Amino acid sequence: MPSDWIQTYTGQRFRPLEPEPSAIRIEDIAHSLSLLCRFNGHCRVFYSVAEHSVRVSHAVPPETALVGLLHDAAEAYLSDLPRPFKRWLPAFEEAEDHLLQVILEHFDEPWPLPDEVLRADDVLLATEMRDLMGEPPAPWGLRQEPLDEHIVALRSAEAKQAFIERFEALREIRGR
């Protein structure tokens, strides 16, 4: 019989569909997201979800920076599906939202995601499309303009370190 849990990088037994907050480790999230490639791997170079998350955390007001950093944290345990496909699987979206809510509450952050984080996520999407994808065969229909700065992707180990350092800095600012 298949198990209902996954083993995490730090050796936790984690049930993504019945998450226990005590099993959530920032090291697991940072490690996994640093090895997950954005765009289902269809970008010109490897670009991790961890780096994307760090960039989102810098693109929002300081009071929502930690939520910005963690906005894709559920992907560390569930992976991700491309946006067009995810919409066809409401059960996956529900599981992802529930897991993200548990993660955010574990780190004393608000749920649902603030509008500023959703907007910054889309700004980063536009920037990543411009800098990391090939010429599009059709318009993506994005409503946000890309950032002025251009992305030069980090290696996965660098992205993991950047994620952990950003997390620690933001927690320190909040006195946690």
N, C-alpha and C. Protein backbone atom coordinates (compact mmCIF):
# COMPACT_ATOMS: atom_id res chain seq x y z
N MET A 1 0.85 -1.19 0.00
CA MET A 1 0.00 0.00 0.00
C MET A 1 0.89 1.24 0.00
N PRO A 2 0.62 2.20 -0.87
CA PRO A 2 1.44 3.41 -0.93
C PRO A 2 1.33 4.22 0.37
N SER A 3 2.42 4.87 0.73
CA SER A 3 2.40 5.68 1.94
C SER A 3 1.73 7.02 1.67
N ASP A 4 1.29 7.67 2.73
CA ASP A 4 0.66 8.98 2.61
C ASP A 4 1.60 10.08 3.07
N TRP A 5 2.91 9.78 3.08
CA TRP A 5 3.89 10.76 3.54
C TRP A 5 5.10 10.75 2.62
N ILE A 6 5.86 11.83 2.71
CA ILE A 6 7.13 11.93 1.99
C ILE A 6 8.23 12.13 3.02
N GLN A 7 9.43 11.74 2.67
CA GLN A 7 10.58 12.03 3.51
C GLN A 7 11.20 13.32 3.01
N THR A 8 11.43 14.24 3.93
CA THR A 8 12.00 15.52 3.55
C THR A 8 13.52 15.48 3.61
N TYR A 9 14.14 16.52 3.12
CA TYR A 9 15.60 16.65 3.11
C TYR A 9 16.19 16.46 4.50
N THR A 10 15.53 17.01 5.54
CA THR A 10 16.06 16.88 6.90
C THR A 10 15.61 15.59 7.59
N GLY A 11 14.91 14.73 6.85
CA GLY A 11 14.51 13.44 7.39
C GLY A 11 13.16 13.42 8.08
N GLN A 12 12.37 14.44 7.87
CA GLN A 12 11.03 14.47 8.47
C GLN A 12 10.08 13.55 7.70
N ARG A 13 9.15 12.99 8.42
CA ARG A 13 8.04 12.25 7.81
C ARG A 13 6.92 13.28 7.67
N PHE A 14 6.62 13.66 6.44
CA PHE A 14 5.70 14.78 6.21
C PHE A 14 4.52 14.32 5.38
N ARG A 15 3.34 14.61 5.89
CA ARG A 15 2.10 14.29 5.17
C ARG A 15 1.57 15.56 4.50
N PRO A 16 1.79 15.72 3.21
CA PRO A 16 1.37 16.96 2.54
C PRO A 16 -0.13 17.22 2.58
N LEU A 17 -0.93 16.15 2.64
CA LEU A 17 -2.38 16.33 2.65
C LEU A 17 -2.95 16.45 4.06
N GLU A 18 -2.15 16.12 5.05
CA GLU A 18 -2.51 16.29 6.46
C GLU A 18 -1.29 16.83 7.20
N PRO A 19 -0.89 18.05 6.87
CA PRO A 19 0.38 18.58 7.38
C PRO A 19 0.37 18.85 8.88
N GLU A 20 1.44 18.44 9.51
CA GLU A 20 1.67 18.72 10.93
C GLU A 20 2.65 19.89 11.01
N PRO A 21 2.27 20.99 11.59
CA PRO A 21 3.18 22.13 11.67
C PRO A 21 4.53 21.80 12.30
N SER A 22 4.55 20.87 13.23
CA SER A 22 5.81 20.52 13.89
C SER A 22 6.82 19.89 12.94
N ALA A 23 6.39 19.40 11.79
CA ALA A 23 7.30 18.79 10.82
C ALA A 23 7.80 19.78 9.77
N ILE A 24 7.35 21.02 9.84
CA ILE A 24 7.75 22.03 8.85
C ILE A 24 9.12 22.58 9.24
N ARG A 25 10.05 22.52 8.31
CA ARG A 25 11.41 23.02 8.52
C ARG A 25 11.77 23.96 7.38
N ILE A 26 12.29 25.13 7.72
CA ILE A 26 12.68 26.07 6.67
C ILE A 26 13.80 25.49 5.81
N GLU A 27 14.64 24.64 6.39
CA GLU A 27 15.72 24.01 5.63
C GLU A 27 15.15 23.10 4.53
N ASP A 28 14.06 22.40 4.85
CA ASP A 28 13.41 21.55 3.84
C ASP A 28 12.82 22.39 2.72
N ILE A 29 12.17 23.47 3.10
CA ILE A 29 11.55 24.35 2.10
C ILE A 29 12.62 24.96 1.20
N ALA A 30 13.66 25.52 1.80
CA ALA A 30 14.73 26.16 1.01
C ALA A 30 15.42 25.16 0.10
N HIS A 31 15.72 23.98 0.62
CA HIS A 31 16.43 22.98 -0.18
C HIS A 31 15.58 22.54 -1.37
N SER A 32 14.34 22.17 -1.09
CA SER A 32 13.47 21.69 -2.16
C SER A 32 13.22 22.76 -3.22
N LEU A 33 12.88 23.98 -2.77
CA LEU A 33 12.59 25.04 -3.74
C LEU A 33 13.83 25.41 -4.56
N SER A 34 15.02 25.23 -3.99
CA SER A 34 16.24 25.55 -4.74
C SER A 34 16.51 24.54 -5.85
N LEU A 35 15.88 23.38 -5.75
CA LEU A 35 16.06 22.35 -6.78
C LEU A 35 14.87 22.25 -7.74
N LEU A 36 13.81 23.01 -7.47
CA LEU A 36 12.65 23.05 -8.37
C LEU A 36 12.83 24.17 -9.38
N CYS A 37 12.70 23.83 -10.64
CA CYS A 37 12.87 24.82 -11.71
C CYS A 37 11.53 25.44 -12.06
N ARG A 38 11.55 26.77 -12.20
CA ARG A 38 10.34 27.49 -12.62
C ARG A 38 9.98 27.08 -14.05
N PHE A 39 8.75 27.34 -14.42
CA PHE A 39 8.23 27.10 -15.77
C PHE A 39 8.31 25.64 -16.16
N ASN A 40 8.21 24.75 -15.16
CA ASN A 40 8.24 23.32 -15.43
C ASN A 40 9.51 22.92 -16.19
N GLY A 41 10.57 23.72 -15.99
CA GLY A 41 11.86 23.44 -16.62
C GLY A 41 12.00 23.95 -18.04
N HIS A 42 11.06 24.73 -18.52
CA HIS A 42 11.09 25.19 -19.91
C HIS A 42 11.77 26.53 -20.11
N CYS A 43 12.53 26.99 -19.13
CA CYS A 43 13.26 28.25 -19.30
C CYS A 43 14.63 27.95 -19.92
N ARG A 44 15.29 29.00 -20.42
CA ARG A 44 16.57 28.83 -21.12
C ARG A 44 17.68 28.34 -20.21
N VAL A 45 17.63 28.72 -18.94
CA VAL A 45 18.62 28.27 -17.95
C VAL A 45 17.85 27.84 -16.70
N PHE A 46 18.51 27.07 -15.85
CA PHE A 46 17.87 26.67 -14.60
C PHE A 46 17.62 27.91 -13.75
N TYR A 47 16.38 28.05 -13.29
CA TYR A 47 15.98 29.17 -12.45
C TYR A 47 15.05 28.61 -11.39
N SER A 48 15.48 28.66 -10.16
CA SER A 48 14.76 27.97 -9.09
C SER A 48 13.59 28.76 -8.53
N VAL A 49 12.67 28.01 -7.96
CA VAL A 49 11.55 28.60 -7.24
C VAL A 49 12.07 29.35 -6.01
N ALA A 50 13.16 28.87 -5.41
CA ALA A 50 13.74 29.56 -4.26
C ALA A 50 14.19 30.97 -4.65
N GLU A 51 14.88 31.10 -5.77
CA GLU A 51 15.32 32.43 -6.20
C GLU A 51 14.13 33.31 -6.53
N HIS A 52 13.15 32.76 -7.22
CA HIS A 52 11.92 33.50 -7.52
C HIS A 52 11.31 34.04 -6.22
N SER A 53 11.24 33.20 -5.20
CA SER A 53 10.64 33.58 -3.93
C SER A 53 11.42 34.70 -3.24
N VAL A 54 12.73 34.61 -3.29
CA VAL A 54 13.56 35.68 -2.72
C VAL A 54 13.28 36.99 -3.45
N ARG A 55 13.19 36.92 -4.75
CA ARG A 55 12.93 38.13 -5.54
C ARG A 55 11.55 38.71 -5.23
N VAL A 56 10.55 37.85 -5.07
CA VAL A 56 9.21 38.34 -4.70
C VAL A 56 9.29 39.03 -3.34
N SER A 57 10.06 38.48 -2.41
CA SER A 57 10.14 39.07 -1.07
C SER A 57 10.76 40.46 -1.08
N HIS A 58 11.57 40.74 -2.09
CA HIS A 58 12.17 42.07 -2.22
C HIS A 58 11.25 43.04 -2.99
N ALA A 59 10.24 42.50 -3.66
CA ALA A 59 9.37 43.32 -4.51
C ALA A 59 8.09 43.76 -3.80
N VAL A 60 7.97 43.43 -2.52
CA VAL A 60 6.78 43.78 -1.74
C VAL A 60 7.18 44.72 -0.61
N PRO A 61 6.21 45.39 0.01
CA PRO A 61 6.53 46.21 1.18
C PRO A 61 7.14 45.36 2.29
N PRO A 62 7.98 45.94 3.13
CA PRO A 62 8.67 45.18 4.18
C PRO A 62 7.74 44.36 5.07
N GLU A 63 6.55 44.86 5.34
CA GLU A 63 5.66 44.14 6.24
C GLU A 63 5.11 42.85 5.63
N THR A 64 5.21 42.69 4.31
CA THR A 64 4.74 41.45 3.67
C THR A 64 5.90 40.66 3.05
N ALA A 65 7.13 41.04 3.35
CA ALA A 65 8.30 40.38 2.73
C ALA A 65 8.40 38.91 3.10
N LEU A 66 8.11 38.55 4.35
CA LEU A 66 8.21 37.14 4.73
C LEU A 66 7.13 36.31 4.04
N VAL A 67 5.95 36.85 3.93
CA VAL A 67 4.89 36.14 3.18
C VAL A 67 5.32 36.01 1.72
N GLY A 68 5.92 37.07 1.17
CA GLY A 68 6.42 37.00 -0.20
C GLY A 68 7.45 35.89 -0.37
N LEU A 69 8.33 35.75 0.60
CA LEU A 69 9.35 34.70 0.54
C LEU A 69 8.69 33.31 0.59
N LEU A 70 7.65 33.16 1.37
CA LEU A 70 7.03 31.85 1.60
C LEU A 70 5.85 31.55 0.68
N HIS A 71 5.53 32.45 -0.24
CA HIS A 71 4.29 32.30 -1.01
C HIS A 71 4.21 31.01 -1.84
N ASP A 72 5.33 30.42 -2.19
CA ASP A 72 5.34 29.16 -2.94
C ASP A 72 5.85 28.00 -2.10
N ALA A 73 5.89 28.15 -0.78
CA ALA A 73 6.47 27.14 0.09
C ALA A 73 5.78 25.78 -0.01
N ALA A 74 4.50 25.75 -0.31
CA ALA A 74 3.80 24.46 -0.44
C ALA A 74 4.39 23.61 -1.56
N GLU A 75 4.99 24.26 -2.55
CA GLU A 75 5.61 23.54 -3.66
C GLU A 75 6.77 22.67 -3.19
N ALA A 76 7.36 22.99 -2.04
CA ALA A 76 8.43 22.17 -1.50
C ALA A 76 7.93 20.77 -1.14
N TYR A 77 6.66 20.65 -0.86
CA TYR A 77 6.08 19.37 -0.45
C TYR A 77 5.16 18.76 -1.50
N LEU A 78 4.59 19.59 -2.37
CA LEU A 78 3.65 19.10 -3.39
C LEU A 78 4.18 19.21 -4.80
N SER A 79 5.31 19.88 -4.98
CA SER A 79 5.82 20.24 -6.30
C SER A 79 4.90 21.32 -6.87
N ASP A 80 4.89 21.47 -8.17
CA ASP A 80 4.04 22.49 -8.78
C ASP A 80 3.52 21.98 -10.10
N LEU A 81 2.47 22.59 -10.51
CA LEU A 81 1.90 22.34 -11.83
C LEU A 81 1.83 23.67 -12.56
N PRO A 82 2.03 23.67 -13.87
CA PRO A 82 1.88 24.93 -14.62
C PRO A 82 0.49 25.52 -14.43
N ARG A 83 0.42 26.84 -14.36
CA ARG A 83 -0.85 27.53 -14.09
C ARG A 83 -2.01 27.05 -14.96
N PRO A 84 -1.82 26.93 -16.29
CA PRO A 84 -2.98 26.53 -17.11
C PRO A 84 -3.53 25.15 -16.73
N PHE A 85 -2.65 24.24 -16.34
CA PHE A 85 -3.09 22.89 -15.99
C PHE A 85 -3.68 22.84 -14.59
N LYS A 86 -3.09 23.59 -13.67
CA LYS A 86 -3.54 23.58 -12.27
C LYS A 86 -5.01 23.94 -12.16
N ARG A 87 -5.47 24.83 -13.02
CA ARG A 87 -6.87 25.26 -12.97
C ARG A 87 -7.85 24.12 -13.25
N TRP A 88 -7.37 23.07 -13.91
CA TRP A 88 -8.21 21.91 -14.21
C TRP A 88 -8.27 20.92 -13.05
N LEU A 89 -7.48 21.16 -12.01
CA LEU A 89 -7.43 20.25 -10.88
C LEU A 89 -7.75 20.99 -9.58
N PRO A 90 -9.01 21.26 -9.34
CA PRO A 90 -9.36 22.02 -8.15
C PRO A 90 -8.94 21.34 -6.85
N ALA A 91 -8.90 20.02 -6.81
CA ALA A 91 -8.48 19.33 -5.60
C ALA A 91 -7.01 19.62 -5.30
N PHE A 92 -6.19 19.72 -6.34
CA PHE A 92 -4.78 20.06 -6.14
C PHE A 92 -4.66 21.48 -5.60
N GLU A 93 -5.41 22.40 -6.19
CA GLU A 93 -5.38 23.79 -5.71
C GLU A 93 -5.82 23.88 -4.25
N GLU A 94 -6.84 23.12 -3.88
CA GLU A 94 -7.32 23.12 -2.49
C GLU A 94 -6.24 22.58 -1.56
N ALA A 95 -5.60 21.49 -1.95
CA ALA A 95 -4.53 20.90 -1.13
C ALA A 95 -3.36 21.87 -1.00
N GLU A 96 -3.01 22.51 -2.09
CA GLU A 96 -1.90 23.48 -2.08
C GLU A 96 -2.24 24.67 -1.19
N ASP A 97 -3.44 25.18 -1.31
CA ASP A 97 -3.85 26.32 -0.48
C ASP A 97 -3.87 25.93 1.00
N HIS A 98 -4.39 24.76 1.32
CA HIS A 98 -4.44 24.31 2.71
C HIS A 98 -3.03 24.18 3.28
N LEU A 99 -2.14 23.56 2.53
CA LEU A 99 -0.77 23.38 2.99
C LEU A 99 -0.08 24.72 3.16
N LEU A 100 -0.26 25.63 2.22
CA LEU A 100 0.35 26.95 2.34
C LEU A 100 -0.19 27.68 3.56
N GLN A 101 -1.47 27.57 3.82
CA GLN A 101 -2.06 28.19 5.01
C GLN A 101 -1.40 27.64 6.27
N VAL A 102 -1.21 26.34 6.36
CA VAL A 102 -0.58 25.73 7.53
C VAL A 102 0.86 26.23 7.67
N ILE A 103 1.58 26.31 6.56
CA ILE A 103 2.97 26.79 6.60
C ILE A 103 3.02 28.23 7.07
N LEU A 104 2.19 29.09 6.49
CA LEU A 104 2.19 30.50 6.88
C LEU A 104 1.81 30.67 8.34
N GLU A 105 0.80 29.96 8.79
CA GLU A 105 0.41 30.05 10.21
C GLU A 105 1.52 29.54 11.12
N HIS A 106 2.25 28.51 10.68
CA HIS A 106 3.37 28.00 11.46
C HIS A 106 4.43 29.09 11.69
N PHE A 107 4.62 29.93 10.70
CA PHE A 107 5.60 31.02 10.80
C PHE A 107 4.95 32.35 11.20
N ASP A 108 3.73 32.28 11.72
CA ASP A 108 2.99 33.46 12.21
C ASP A 108 2.78 34.51 11.13
N GLU A 109 2.44 34.05 9.95
CA GLU A 109 2.17 34.95 8.82
C GLU A 109 0.71 34.82 8.41
N PRO A 110 0.16 35.87 7.80
CA PRO A 110 -1.28 35.88 7.49
C PRO A 110 -1.66 35.01 6.29
N TRP A 111 -2.88 34.57 6.34
CA TRP A 111 -3.53 33.87 5.23
C TRP A 111 -4.87 34.54 5.03
N PRO A 112 -5.33 34.75 3.84
CA PRO A 112 -4.74 34.40 2.55
C PRO A 112 -3.60 35.35 2.16
N LEU A 113 -2.97 35.04 1.04
CA LEU A 113 -1.86 35.87 0.58
C LEU A 113 -2.34 37.30 0.34
N PRO A 114 -1.59 38.27 0.82
CA PRO A 114 -1.94 39.67 0.57
C PRO A 114 -1.88 40.02 -0.92
N ASP A 115 -2.68 40.97 -1.34
CA ASP A 115 -2.71 41.39 -2.74
C ASP A 115 -1.33 41.84 -3.22
N GLU A 116 -0.55 42.47 -2.33
CA GLU A 116 0.79 42.93 -2.72
C GLU A 116 1.67 41.77 -3.15
N VAL A 117 1.53 40.63 -2.49
CA VAL A 117 2.33 39.46 -2.83
C VAL A 117 1.86 38.88 -4.17
N LEU A 118 0.57 38.81 -4.38
CA LEU A 118 0.05 38.31 -5.66
C LEU A 118 0.49 39.20 -6.82
N ARG A 119 0.46 40.51 -6.59
CA ARG A 119 0.89 41.45 -7.62
C ARG A 119 2.39 41.29 -7.91
N ALA A 120 3.20 41.20 -6.85
CA ALA A 120 4.65 41.03 -7.02
C ALA A 120 4.97 39.72 -7.73
N ASP A 121 4.21 38.67 -7.42
CA ASP A 121 4.40 37.38 -8.09
C ASP A 121 4.20 37.54 -9.59
N ASP A 122 3.18 38.30 -9.98
CA ASP A 122 2.93 38.54 -11.41
C ASP A 122 3.98 39.45 -12.04
N VAL A 123 4.49 40.41 -11.30
CA VAL A 123 5.57 41.26 -11.81
C VAL A 123 6.81 40.40 -12.06
N LEU A 124 7.10 39.51 -11.14
CA LEU A 124 8.24 38.61 -11.33
C LEU A 124 8.00 37.68 -12.51
N LEU A 125 6.77 37.22 -12.68
CA LEU A 125 6.44 36.37 -13.83
C LEU A 125 6.75 37.10 -15.13
N ALA A 126 6.35 38.36 -15.21
CA ALA A 126 6.63 39.14 -16.42
C ALA A 126 8.13 39.33 -16.62
N THR A 127 8.84 39.57 -15.54
CA THR A 127 10.29 39.75 -15.62
C THR A 127 10.97 38.45 -16.03
N GLU A 128 10.56 37.36 -15.44
CA GLU A 128 11.14 36.05 -15.77
C GLU A 128 10.84 35.67 -17.21
N MET A 129 9.63 35.96 -17.67
CA MET A 129 9.30 35.66 -19.06
C MET A 129 10.25 36.41 -20.00
N ARG A 130 10.46 37.68 -19.71
CA ARG A 130 11.35 38.51 -20.54
C ARG A 130 12.79 38.00 -20.51
N ASP A 131 13.27 37.64 -19.32
CA ASP A 131 14.70 37.36 -19.15
C ASP A 131 15.09 35.90 -19.28
N LEU A 132 14.15 34.99 -19.08
CA LEU A 132 14.53 33.58 -18.98
C LEU A 132 13.87 32.66 -20.00
N MET A 133 12.88 33.15 -20.70
CA MET A 133 12.16 32.32 -21.65
C MET A 133 12.56 32.71 -23.08
N GLY A 134 12.29 31.80 -24.00
CA GLY A 134 12.49 32.10 -25.41
C GLY A 134 11.41 33.04 -25.91
N GLU A 135 11.49 33.36 -27.18
CA GLU A 135 10.48 34.23 -27.80
C GLU A 135 9.11 33.55 -27.72
N PRO A 136 8.09 34.23 -27.16
CA PRO A 136 6.79 33.58 -27.00
C PRO A 136 6.07 33.38 -28.35
N PRO A 137 5.38 32.26 -28.50
CA PRO A 137 4.64 32.01 -29.73
C PRO A 137 3.34 32.80 -29.80
N ALA A 138 2.92 33.32 -28.66
CA ALA A 138 1.69 34.12 -28.56
C ALA A 138 1.81 34.96 -27.29
N PRO A 139 1.03 36.03 -27.18
CA PRO A 139 1.07 36.84 -25.94
C PRO A 139 0.68 36.01 -24.72
N TRP A 140 1.34 36.27 -23.62
CA TRP A 140 1.05 35.58 -22.37
C TRP A 140 -0.16 36.19 -21.66
N GLY A 141 -0.55 37.38 -22.03
CA GLY A 141 -1.70 38.02 -21.38
C GLY A 141 -1.39 38.54 -19.99
N LEU A 142 -0.15 38.89 -19.74
CA LEU A 142 0.24 39.40 -18.42
C LEU A 142 -0.22 40.84 -18.26
N ARG A 143 -0.65 41.17 -17.05
CA ARG A 143 -1.16 42.52 -16.79
C ARG A 143 -0.13 43.40 -16.11
N GLN A 144 0.96 42.82 -15.66
CA GLN A 144 1.99 43.57 -14.95
C GLN A 144 3.20 43.80 -15.87
N GLU A 145 3.85 44.93 -15.65
CA GLU A 145 5.08 45.23 -16.38
C GLU A 145 6.25 44.59 -15.64
N PRO A 146 7.29 44.17 -16.37
CA PRO A 146 8.46 43.58 -15.71
C PRO A 146 9.25 44.64 -14.94
N LEU A 147 10.08 44.16 -14.04
CA LEU A 147 10.99 45.04 -13.32
C LEU A 147 12.02 45.62 -14.28
N ASP A 148 12.63 46.73 -13.91
CA ASP A 148 13.68 47.31 -14.73
C ASP A 148 14.93 46.43 -14.72
N GLU A 149 15.25 45.86 -13.55
CA GLU A 149 16.44 45.03 -13.45
C GLU A 149 16.24 43.71 -14.19
N HIS A 150 17.34 43.16 -14.68
CA HIS A 150 17.30 41.89 -15.39
C HIS A 150 17.80 40.76 -14.50
N ILE A 151 17.25 39.59 -14.71
CA ILE A 151 17.59 38.43 -13.90
C ILE A 151 18.76 37.67 -14.52
N VAL A 152 19.75 37.41 -13.69
CA VAL A 152 20.81 36.46 -14.01
C VAL A 152 20.67 35.37 -12.96
N ALA A 153 20.26 34.20 -13.39
CA ALA A 153 19.88 33.13 -12.46
C ALA A 153 21.05 32.63 -11.62
N LEU A 154 20.74 32.33 -10.37
CA LEU A 154 21.70 31.75 -9.45
C LEU A 154 21.75 30.23 -9.62
N ARG A 155 22.85 29.64 -9.20
CA ARG A 155 22.90 28.18 -9.11
C ARG A 155 22.02 27.76 -7.93
N SER A 156 21.61 26.51 -7.91
CA SER A 156 20.67 26.07 -6.88
C SER A 156 21.23 26.25 -5.47
N ALA A 157 22.51 25.96 -5.24
CA ALA A 157 23.09 26.13 -3.90
C ALA A 157 23.08 27.59 -3.48
N GLU A 158 23.31 28.50 -4.42
CA GLU A 158 23.27 29.93 -4.12
C GLU A 158 21.85 30.37 -3.80
N ALA A 159 20.89 29.85 -4.55
CA ALA A 159 19.49 30.20 -4.30
C ALA A 159 19.04 29.69 -2.93
N LYS A 160 19.45 28.50 -2.57
CA LYS A 160 19.12 27.95 -1.25
C LYS A 160 19.68 28.84 -0.15
N GLN A 161 20.94 29.23 -0.29
CA GLN A 161 21.57 30.08 0.71
C GLN A 161 20.88 31.44 0.78
N ALA A 162 20.55 32.01 -0.38
CA ALA A 162 19.87 33.30 -0.41
C ALA A 162 18.50 33.21 0.28
N PHE A 163 17.79 32.11 0.06
CA PHE A 163 16.48 31.91 0.67
C PHE A 163 16.62 31.84 2.19
N ILE A 164 17.54 31.03 2.69
CA ILE A 164 17.73 30.89 4.13
C ILE A 164 18.17 32.21 4.76
N GLU A 165 19.11 32.91 4.11
CA GLU A 165 19.57 34.19 4.65
C GLU A 165 18.45 35.22 4.68
N ARG A 166 17.64 35.23 3.65
CA ARG A 166 16.51 36.18 3.62
C ARG A 166 15.51 35.84 4.72
N PHE A 167 15.21 34.56 4.89
CA PHE A 167 14.30 34.12 5.94
C PHE A 167 14.82 34.56 7.31
N GLU A 168 16.08 34.27 7.59
CA GLU A 168 16.66 34.61 8.89
C GLU A 168 16.67 36.12 9.11
N ALA A 169 17.00 36.89 8.08
CA ALA A 169 17.03 38.35 8.22
C ALA A 169 15.63 38.89 8.51
N LEU A 170 14.63 38.38 7.81
CA LEU A 170 13.25 38.86 8.02
C LEU A 170 12.73 38.45 9.39
N ARG A 171 13.06 37.25 9.84
CA ARG A 171 12.64 36.82 11.18
C ARG A 171 13.33 37.66 12.26
N GLU A 172 14.60 38.00 12.02
CA GLU A 172 15.33 38.81 12.98
C GLU A 172 14.72 40.22 13.09
N ILE A 173 14.34 40.77 11.95
CA ILE A 173 13.70 42.09 11.95
C ILE A 173 12.44 42.07 12.80
N ARG A 174 11.71 40.98 12.72
CA ARG A 174 10.46 40.85 13.49
C ARG A 174 10.68 40.40 14.91
N GLY A 175 11.93 40.11 15.27
CA GLY A 175 12.23 39.70 16.63
C GLY A 175 11.77 38.31 16.97
N ARG A 176 11.77 37.41 15.97
CA ARG A 176 11.33 36.02 16.21
C ARG A 176 12.50 35.10 16.22
